[in-house]
Amino acid sequence: MSLQASRMASGAIPTLKENERTHPATSTMYCHGKMFACMELSPPFKIKIDEKGVVQSGGFDDADGALERFSAHYKEEGTSGETHYMTTGFFSPVCTYGVLNKEAQPIHELKLPFAFPPPAFLHDYFLTENYTVVVDHSQRLNPAGLVPGKLYEFMPRFKVRFGLIPRNCRNPTEVKWFDTGKPGFHWHVVNGWETADDKVILYMPLFDEYPCSMPVHIAVEPPSYLHRFELDLATGTVSGGKCESMGAMVTERCEVNRSFIGKPTTEWAYLMKRGEDSMYDGVIKYNLQTNQVDTVVEFGPKRQGGECLFIPKAGAEKEDAGYLIDIIFEGDEKAEDGIGFSELCIWDAEALTTEPIAKVAMPHRIPFGVHANWLEEAELKKQMAWF
């Protein structure tokens, strides 16, 4: 019996039939008229939203076997329109970094080896002008983890490292590694960019430790704090650490104006704020240039959000000229069903205040926690016809 089969039999991982794949349910990707559901354990899954607003399934699209797995977080490069992805094999200490063209077909791939046991997830990464930055961390796959709940293990001997992958890199030896000397784990990144004096600036929330039970984005999850790291390309050293201006605020789930990804002029980040006994009870507008908190929005008692999404205003020139949207769940025991209700809330991101500028009641409760996208009307119409 293979190692994978043994772990499926033990219940340590989902049981999949031969040639069956885990269905993606982490995020969606819009790629030049094509829509996909995505996660890091399977190829992209074709979907579309029809004229009635119903999601239609089209099956996996592995580009004739070239895409064994994809990524929960894709990043589109504005100048070329190319889409970048990062993934790792579930039992293999090898990361795959790849690039898709405008037809969502693979045009570049790099196999990058890691120390064994490999990192449990490579959920998110940075994209700068000349580099894709992979984050190696301390949460590893436990090679002896045949017991459910023991598949992952936080191993402090593995420190957080940043691997700078040059654009169009063909050889893993060209990757520049920067070791922070600090153990930790991350799910998401905020933004990163290169400076004129050969530095790379990276912002990300970081967990000091993480349980093997993987309590992903629930109330018992350990705290994660915003960190700023500075990588010196000339010396190969790393400086920085926790952003003290955030105080004791715990944050995760990050959003920026996506047209500013990798740009040194980027100024604003929108960070979900953790509550004391709940998940995200607010959002923080943070200035990445001054390292100061600008605005804190509190959702209110018994109200929880999932992840704010930034939507630029039409023709906007200012980075924060746009809207923040999130689906807020209110756990009101007085509700008719005794559970609560959901509503779509919209804030003005530039003139951010606690009270939304609009609220839209949802017809039923909507689970929060997965990643979202926004389609303009023309994009919505274009994807209707792609399969």
Protein backbone atom coordinates (compact mmCIF):
# COMPACT_ATOMS: atom_id res chain seq x y z
CA MET A 1 0.00 0.00 0.00
CA SER A 2 1.37 3.42 -0.95
CA LEU A 3 1.94 6.15 1.64
CA GLN A 4 -0.94 8.17 0.20
CA ALA A 5 -3.25 5.13 0.27
CA SER A 6 -2.25 4.43 3.87
CA ARG A 7 -3.08 7.96 4.92
CA MET A 8 -6.42 7.85 3.14
CA ALA A 9 -7.22 4.55 4.88
CA SER A 10 -6.34 6.06 8.25
CA GLY A 11 -8.54 9.09 7.71
CA ALA A 12 -5.58 11.46 7.83
CA ILE A 13 -6.49 12.85 4.39
CA PRO A 14 -9.69 12.70 2.33
CA THR A 15 -10.39 9.38 0.63
CA LEU A 16 -10.15 9.75 -3.13
CA LYS A 17 -10.80 7.10 -5.72
CA GLU A 18 -8.23 6.42 -8.40
CA ASN A 19 -7.87 9.48 -10.66
CA GLU A 20 -10.32 11.40 -8.47
CA ARG A 21 -9.32 14.91 -7.44
CA THR A 22 -10.18 17.13 -4.52
CA HIS A 23 -12.76 19.65 -5.64
CA PRO A 24 -11.53 23.23 -5.30
CA ALA A 25 -13.49 25.50 -2.99
CA THR A 26 -11.02 28.10 -1.73
CA SER A 27 -11.14 30.90 -4.29
CA THR A 28 -12.13 31.83 -7.81
CA MET A 29 -10.04 33.11 -10.70
CA TYR A 30 -11.13 35.29 -13.61
CA CYS A 31 -8.59 34.99 -16.43
CA HIS A 32 -9.40 37.00 -19.56
CA GLY A 33 -12.99 35.79 -19.93
CA LYS A 34 -12.56 32.42 -18.21
CA MET A 35 -13.69 31.57 -14.68
CA PHE A 36 -12.24 28.88 -12.43
CA ALA A 37 -12.64 27.61 -8.88
CA CYS A 38 -9.21 27.08 -7.33
CA MET A 39 -7.25 25.53 -4.50
CA GLU A 40 -3.71 24.20 -4.08
CA LEU A 41 -4.50 20.47 -4.24
CA SER A 42 -6.12 20.22 -7.66
CA PRO A 43 -6.11 21.77 -11.14
CA PRO A 44 -8.39 24.74 -11.86
CA PHE A 45 -12.06 23.77 -12.14
CA LYS A 46 -14.05 25.45 -14.90
CA ILE A 47 -17.11 27.40 -13.82
CA LYS A 48 -19.28 30.15 -15.21
CA ILE A 49 -22.16 32.28 -14.01
CA ASP A 50 -25.10 32.13 -16.41
CA GLU A 51 -27.67 34.79 -17.29
CA LYS A 52 -29.79 33.84 -14.27
CA GLY A 53 -26.88 34.07 -11.86
CA VAL A 54 -26.58 30.29 -11.50
CA VAL A 55 -23.08 28.79 -11.30
CA GLN A 56 -22.45 26.19 -13.99
CA SER A 57 -19.70 23.55 -13.72
CA GLY A 58 -17.43 22.63 -16.60
CA GLY A 59 -14.98 20.15 -15.09
CA PHE A 60 -11.26 20.27 -14.38
CA ASP A 61 -8.94 22.07 -16.80
CA ASP A 62 -5.45 20.66 -16.32
CA ALA A 63 -4.13 21.94 -19.68
CA ASP A 64 -3.76 18.41 -21.07
CA GLY A 65 -2.03 17.18 -17.93
CA ALA A 66 0.33 20.15 -17.56
CA LEU A 67 -1.43 21.48 -14.42
CA GLU A 68 -1.50 18.76 -11.79
CA ARG A 69 -2.27 21.33 -9.10
CA PHE A 70 -2.87 25.05 -9.04
CA SER A 71 -3.00 27.72 -6.34
CA ALA A 72 -5.52 29.22 -3.95
CA HIS A 73 -4.09 32.67 -4.71
CA TYR A 74 -3.30 33.64 -8.26
CA LYS A 75 -1.76 36.99 -9.13
CA GLU A 76 -2.18 38.71 -12.46
CA GLU A 77 0.60 40.88 -13.80
CA GLY A 78 -0.89 44.08 -15.11
CA THR A 79 1.59 44.83 -17.91
CA SER A 80 1.61 41.39 -19.55
CA GLY A 81 -1.73 40.05 -18.40
CA GLU A 82 0.01 36.83 -17.36
CA THR A 83 -1.25 34.89 -14.35
CA HIS A 84 1.16 33.51 -11.74
CA TYR A 85 0.53 30.54 -9.46
CA MET A 86 2.34 28.61 -6.73
CA THR A 87 1.66 25.12 -5.44
CA THR A 88 3.30 22.17 -3.75
CA GLY A 89 2.84 18.43 -4.04
CA PHE A 90 1.03 16.98 -1.03
CA PHE A 91 3.77 14.42 -0.31
CA SER A 92 6.60 15.89 -2.33
CA PRO A 93 9.23 18.39 -1.12
CA VAL A 94 8.98 20.22 -4.43
CA CYS A 95 7.20 23.50 -5.10
CA THR A 96 5.88 24.29 -8.56
CA TYR A 97 5.86 27.92 -9.64
CA GLY A 98 4.19 28.62 -12.95
CA VAL A 99 2.82 31.25 -15.29
CA LEU A 100 -0.26 31.17 -17.53
CA ASN A 101 -0.81 33.27 -20.64
CA LYS A 102 -4.01 35.14 -21.49
CA GLU A 103 -5.59 31.90 -22.73
CA ALA A 104 -4.98 30.36 -19.29
CA GLN A 105 -2.40 27.99 -20.78
CA PRO A 106 0.94 27.24 -19.06
CA ILE A 107 3.93 29.06 -20.57
CA HIS A 108 6.50 28.76 -17.77
CA GLU A 109 7.19 26.35 -14.92
CA LEU A 110 9.90 25.97 -12.29
CA LYS A 111 10.31 23.01 -9.93
CA LEU A 112 11.80 24.27 -6.68
CA PRO A 113 13.03 21.72 -4.08
CA PHE A 114 12.48 22.16 -0.34
CA ALA A 115 13.94 20.47 2.72
CA PHE A 116 12.12 17.36 3.92
CA PRO A 117 9.59 17.21 5.45
CA PRO A 118 8.11 19.83 3.14
CA PRO A 119 6.01 22.85 4.14
CA ALA A 120 2.37 21.91 4.70
CA PHE A 121 1.01 24.69 2.50
CA LEU A 122 2.27 27.38 0.16
CA HIS A 123 -1.03 29.19 0.25
CA ASP A 124 0.08 32.67 -0.82
CA TYR A 125 3.18 34.45 -2.10
CA PHE A 126 4.51 37.85 -3.21
CA LEU A 127 4.85 39.27 -6.71
CA THR A 128 7.23 42.21 -7.29
CA GLU A 129 8.55 43.80 -10.46
CA ASN A 130 11.37 41.30 -10.99
CA TYR A 131 10.66 38.49 -8.53
CA THR A 132 8.09 36.04 -7.32
CA VAL A 133 8.71 35.49 -3.62
CA VAL A 134 7.88 32.13 -2.05
CA VAL A 135 7.61 31.84 1.74
CA ASP A 136 9.05 28.72 3.37
CA HIS A 137 7.82 28.24 6.96
CA SER A 138 7.75 26.03 10.05
CA GLN A 139 4.44 24.20 9.56
CA ARG A 140 5.48 20.93 7.92
CA LEU A 141 3.91 17.70 6.74
CA ASN A 142 4.59 15.08 9.39
CA PRO A 143 5.98 11.97 7.63
CA ALA A 144 4.72 9.83 10.50
CA GLY A 145 1.31 11.47 10.64
CA LEU A 146 -0.99 8.53 9.99
CA VAL A 147 -3.28 9.47 12.88
CA PRO A 148 -6.02 12.01 12.02
CA GLY A 149 -5.08 15.42 13.34
CA LYS A 150 -1.35 14.60 13.31
CA LEU A 151 -0.64 15.06 9.62
CA TYR A 152 0.87 18.50 10.25
CA GLU A 153 3.47 19.54 12.79
CA PHE A 154 4.98 22.89 13.71
CA MET A 155 8.75 22.34 13.55
CA PRO A 156 10.65 25.36 14.95
CA ARG A 157 13.95 24.13 13.49
CA PHE A 158 12.59 25.25 10.11
CA LYS A 159 12.81 29.04 10.11
CA VAL A 160 10.80 31.39 7.93
CA ARG A 161 12.68 31.92 4.67
CA PHE A 162 11.96 33.99 1.58
CA GLY A 163 12.94 32.64 -1.82
CA LEU A 164 13.29 35.31 -4.51
CA ILE A 165 12.56 33.66 -7.86
CA PRO A 166 13.78 35.82 -10.76
CA ARG A 167 11.27 36.31 -13.53
CA ASN A 168 11.50 33.48 -16.10
CA CYS A 169 13.88 31.57 -13.81
CA ARG A 170 14.73 28.13 -15.23
CA ASN A 171 17.16 26.82 -12.61
CA PRO A 172 16.48 26.51 -8.86
CA THR A 173 20.08 27.57 -8.17
CA GLU A 174 19.15 31.07 -9.38
CA VAL A 175 16.68 31.49 -6.49
CA LYS A 176 18.01 33.82 -3.75
CA TRP A 177 17.14 32.67 -0.23
CA PHE A 178 16.81 34.96 2.80
CA ASP A 179 16.55 33.39 6.27
CA THR A 180 14.76 35.38 8.98
CA GLY A 181 16.08 33.12 11.75
CA LYS A 182 12.55 33.11 13.18
CA PRO A 183 10.12 30.18 13.27
CA GLY A 184 6.59 30.93 12.13
CA PHE A 185 3.72 30.15 9.79
CA HIS A 186 1.68 32.25 7.40
CA TRP A 187 -1.47 31.89 5.37
CA HIS A 188 -1.57 35.17 3.45
CA VAL A 189 0.62 38.07 2.38
CA VAL A 190 -0.21 41.77 2.07
CA ASN A 191 2.12 43.22 -0.55
CA GLY A 192 5.78 43.55 -1.43
CA TRP A 193 7.97 45.67 -3.68
CA GLU A 194 11.52 46.50 -4.69
CA THR A 195 13.23 49.77 -3.78
CA ALA A 196 15.76 51.90 -5.66
CA ASP A 197 18.52 50.96 -3.16
CA ASP A 198 18.31 47.19 -3.84
CA LYS A 199 15.95 46.25 -1.04
CA VAL A 200 12.77 44.16 -1.14
CA ILE A 201 10.04 45.16 1.32
CA LEU A 202 7.53 42.49 2.36
CA TYR A 203 4.41 42.80 4.56
CA MET A 204 2.60 39.74 5.88
CA PRO A 205 0.74 38.46 8.97
CA LEU A 206 2.76 35.80 10.80
CA PHE A 207 1.85 33.18 13.39
CA ASP A 208 4.57 32.49 15.99
CA GLU A 209 3.29 28.91 16.18
CA TYR A 210 0.43 26.82 14.80
CA PRO A 211 -1.34 23.67 16.10
CA CYS A 212 -1.21 20.36 14.26
CA SER A 213 -5.03 20.35 14.29
CA MET A 214 -4.99 23.23 11.76
CA PRO A 215 -7.77 25.43 13.26
CA VAL A 216 -8.04 27.52 10.12
CA HIS A 217 -9.69 30.89 10.73
CA ILE A 218 -11.79 29.86 13.70
CA ALA A 219 -11.87 31.37 17.17
CA VAL A 220 -9.26 29.01 18.66
CA GLU A 221 -6.69 29.82 15.99
CA PRO A 222 -3.53 31.36 17.52
CA PRO A 223 -2.92 35.09 17.05
CA SER A 224 -1.12 36.36 13.97
CA TYR A 225 0.52 39.78 13.84
CA LEU A 226 1.46 42.03 10.94
CA HIS A 227 5.18 41.90 10.14
CA ARG A 228 7.41 44.00 7.88
CA PHE A 229 10.60 42.44 6.50
CA GLU A 230 13.36 44.16 4.56
CA LEU A 231 15.55 41.98 2.35
CA ASP A 232 18.92 43.46 1.38
CA LEU A 233 19.86 42.12 -2.06
CA ALA A 234 23.47 43.29 -1.70
CA THR A 235 24.22 41.62 1.64
CA GLY A 236 21.69 38.77 1.64
CA THR A 237 20.44 39.79 5.08
CA VAL A 238 16.96 40.24 6.52
CA SER A 239 15.81 42.88 8.99
CA GLY A 240 12.47 43.88 10.45
CA GLY A 241 9.75 42.09 12.34
CA LYS A 242 6.42 42.80 14.00
CA CYS A 243 4.75 46.12 13.15
CA GLU A 244 4.58 47.65 16.62
CA SER A 245 2.20 50.39 15.48
CA MET A 246 -0.55 47.73 15.29
CA GLY A 247 -0.30 47.29 19.06
CA ALA A 248 -2.05 44.16 20.26
CA MET A 249 -4.39 43.95 17.26
CA VAL A 250 -4.47 40.49 15.73
CA THR A 251 -4.89 40.46 11.97
CA GLU A 252 -5.17 38.13 8.99
CA ARG A 253 -6.89 38.05 5.61
CA CYS A 254 -5.31 40.90 3.66
CA GLU A 255 -6.51 43.02 0.76
CA VAL A 256 -4.98 45.77 -1.38
CA ASN A 257 -5.87 47.56 -4.57
CA ARG A 258 -4.74 44.71 -6.81
CA SER A 259 -3.52 47.02 -9.56
CA PHE A 260 -0.86 48.12 -7.04
CA ILE A 261 0.53 44.64 -6.33
CA GLY A 262 4.31 44.80 -6.38
CA LYS A 263 4.50 48.57 -6.82
CA PRO A 264 6.78 50.63 -4.53
CA THR A 265 4.20 53.43 -4.51
CA THR A 266 1.60 51.22 -2.82
CA GLU A 267 0.26 52.86 0.29
CA TRP A 268 -2.85 51.12 1.60
CA ALA A 269 -3.70 47.70 2.98
CA TYR A 270 -7.00 46.47 4.40
CA LEU A 271 -6.54 43.89 7.15
CA MET A 272 -9.20 41.82 8.86
CA LYS A 273 -9.22 42.36 12.63
CA ARG A 274 -9.64 39.41 15.00
CA GLY A 275 -12.03 39.61 17.94
CA GLU A 276 -11.35 38.27 21.42
CA ASP A 277 -13.84 35.39 21.23
CA SER A 278 -14.78 35.43 17.56
CA MET A 279 -13.15 35.64 14.19
CA TYR A 280 -13.11 38.87 12.20
CA ASP A 281 -15.04 41.62 13.95
CA GLY A 282 -13.63 44.55 11.99
CA VAL A 283 -11.25 45.81 9.32
CA ILE A 284 -8.10 47.93 9.64
CA LYS A 285 -6.94 50.42 7.00
CA TYR A 286 -3.16 50.47 7.30
CA ASN A 287 -0.62 52.81 5.70
CA LEU A 288 2.31 50.77 4.36
CA GLN A 289 4.47 53.85 3.80
CA THR A 290 4.18 55.38 7.28
CA ASN A 291 3.58 52.08 9.12
CA GLN A 292 0.60 53.57 10.90
CA VAL A 293 -3.01 52.55 11.43
CA ASP A 294 -5.30 54.94 9.57
CA THR A 295 -8.81 53.71 10.42
CA VAL A 296 -10.37 50.84 12.36
CA VAL A 297 -13.89 49.79 11.42
CA GLU A 298 -15.78 47.77 14.03
CA PHE A 299 -18.55 45.61 12.63
CA GLY A 300 -20.52 45.68 15.89
CA PRO A 301 -21.66 43.15 18.51
CA LYS A 302 -22.24 39.60 17.21
CA ARG A 303 -21.27 40.68 13.69
CA GLN A 304 -18.49 38.84 11.87
CA GLY A 305 -16.90 39.35 8.48
CA GLY A 306 -14.99 37.03 6.18
CA GLU A 307 -12.66 39.05 3.97
CA CYS A 308 -12.95 42.58 2.62
CA LEU A 309 -12.63 42.96 -1.13
CA PHE A 310 -11.41 46.22 -2.68
CA ILE A 311 -13.16 47.44 -5.85
CA PRO A 312 -11.66 50.52 -7.58
CA LYS A 313 -14.00 53.29 -8.61
CA ALA A 314 -14.36 53.77 -12.37
CA GLY A 315 -11.59 56.03 -13.67
CA ALA A 316 -10.02 56.37 -10.23
CA GLU A 317 -6.43 57.62 -9.99
CA LYS A 318 -5.95 57.52 -6.23
CA GLU A 319 -5.02 54.12 -4.84
CA ASP A 320 -7.75 54.08 -2.18
CA ALA A 321 -10.47 55.57 -4.39
CA GLY A 322 -12.82 52.62 -4.31
CA TYR A 323 -15.11 50.48 -2.23
CA LEU A 324 -14.62 47.79 0.38
CA ILE A 325 -17.23 45.06 0.40
CA ASP A 326 -17.76 42.13 2.74
CA ILE A 327 -20.57 39.77 3.64
CA ILE A 328 -21.29 40.27 7.33
CA PHE A 329 -23.02 37.60 9.39
CA GLU A 330 -24.99 38.77 12.41
CA GLY A 331 -25.57 36.03 14.96
CA ASP A 332 -28.87 37.30 16.29
CA GLU A 333 -30.64 34.73 18.44
CA LYS A 334 -33.83 36.76 18.00
CA ALA A 335 -33.89 35.98 14.29
CA GLU A 336 -36.79 33.85 13.05
CA ASP A 337 -34.57 30.81 12.51
CA GLY A 338 -32.70 31.38 15.76
CA ILE A 339 -29.39 31.52 13.86
CA GLY A 340 -28.93 34.94 12.33
CA PHE A 341 -28.67 36.59 8.92
CA SER A 342 -26.15 37.83 6.36
CA GLU A 343 -25.89 41.13 4.55
CA LEU A 344 -23.55 42.56 1.95
CA CYS A 345 -21.97 45.74 3.32
CA ILE A 346 -20.24 48.41 1.24
CA TRP A 347 -17.83 51.02 2.59
CA ASP A 348 -16.11 53.95 0.89
CA ALA A 349 -12.45 52.90 1.16
CA GLU A 350 -11.11 56.44 0.85
CA ALA A 351 -13.42 58.12 3.35
CA LEU A 352 -13.65 55.02 5.52
CA THR A 353 -16.10 55.17 8.42
CA THR A 354 -17.62 52.53 10.67
CA GLU A 355 -21.06 52.78 9.11
CA PRO A 356 -21.32 51.27 5.61
CA ILE A 357 -22.60 53.49 2.83
CA ALA A 358 -24.92 50.65 1.75
CA LYS A 359 -26.26 47.33 3.03
CA VAL A 360 -27.92 44.60 0.97
CA ALA A 361 -29.90 41.94 2.84
CA MET A 362 -29.11 38.40 1.67
CA PRO A 363 -32.03 35.97 1.19
CA HIS A 364 -30.29 33.36 3.37
CA ARG A 365 -27.22 32.94 5.50
CA ILE A 366 -23.99 32.89 3.47
CA PRO A 367 -20.98 31.06 4.94
CA PHE A 368 -18.02 33.40 5.26
CA GLY A 369 -14.39 32.52 4.92
CA VAL A 370 -13.63 31.73 1.28
CA HIS A 371 -11.88 34.21 -1.00
CA ALA A 372 -13.85 36.42 -3.37
CA ASN A 373 -13.57 38.23 -6.67
CA TRP A 374 -15.45 41.07 -8.31
CA LEU A 375 -16.51 41.06 -11.96
CA GLU A 376 -17.43 44.13 -13.93
CA GLU A 377 -20.55 43.79 -16.07
CA ALA A 378 -18.49 43.32 -19.26
CA GLU A 379 -16.40 40.60 -17.58
CA LEU A 380 -19.51 38.86 -16.32
CA LYS A 381 -20.99 38.77 -19.83
CA LYS A 382 -17.74 37.59 -21.40
CA GLN A 383 -17.37 34.57 -19.14
CA MET A 384 -20.93 33.43 -19.86
CA ALA A 385 -19.90 32.21 -23.30
CA TRP A 386 -16.60 30.49 -22.63
CA PHE A 387 -17.92 26.91 -22.42
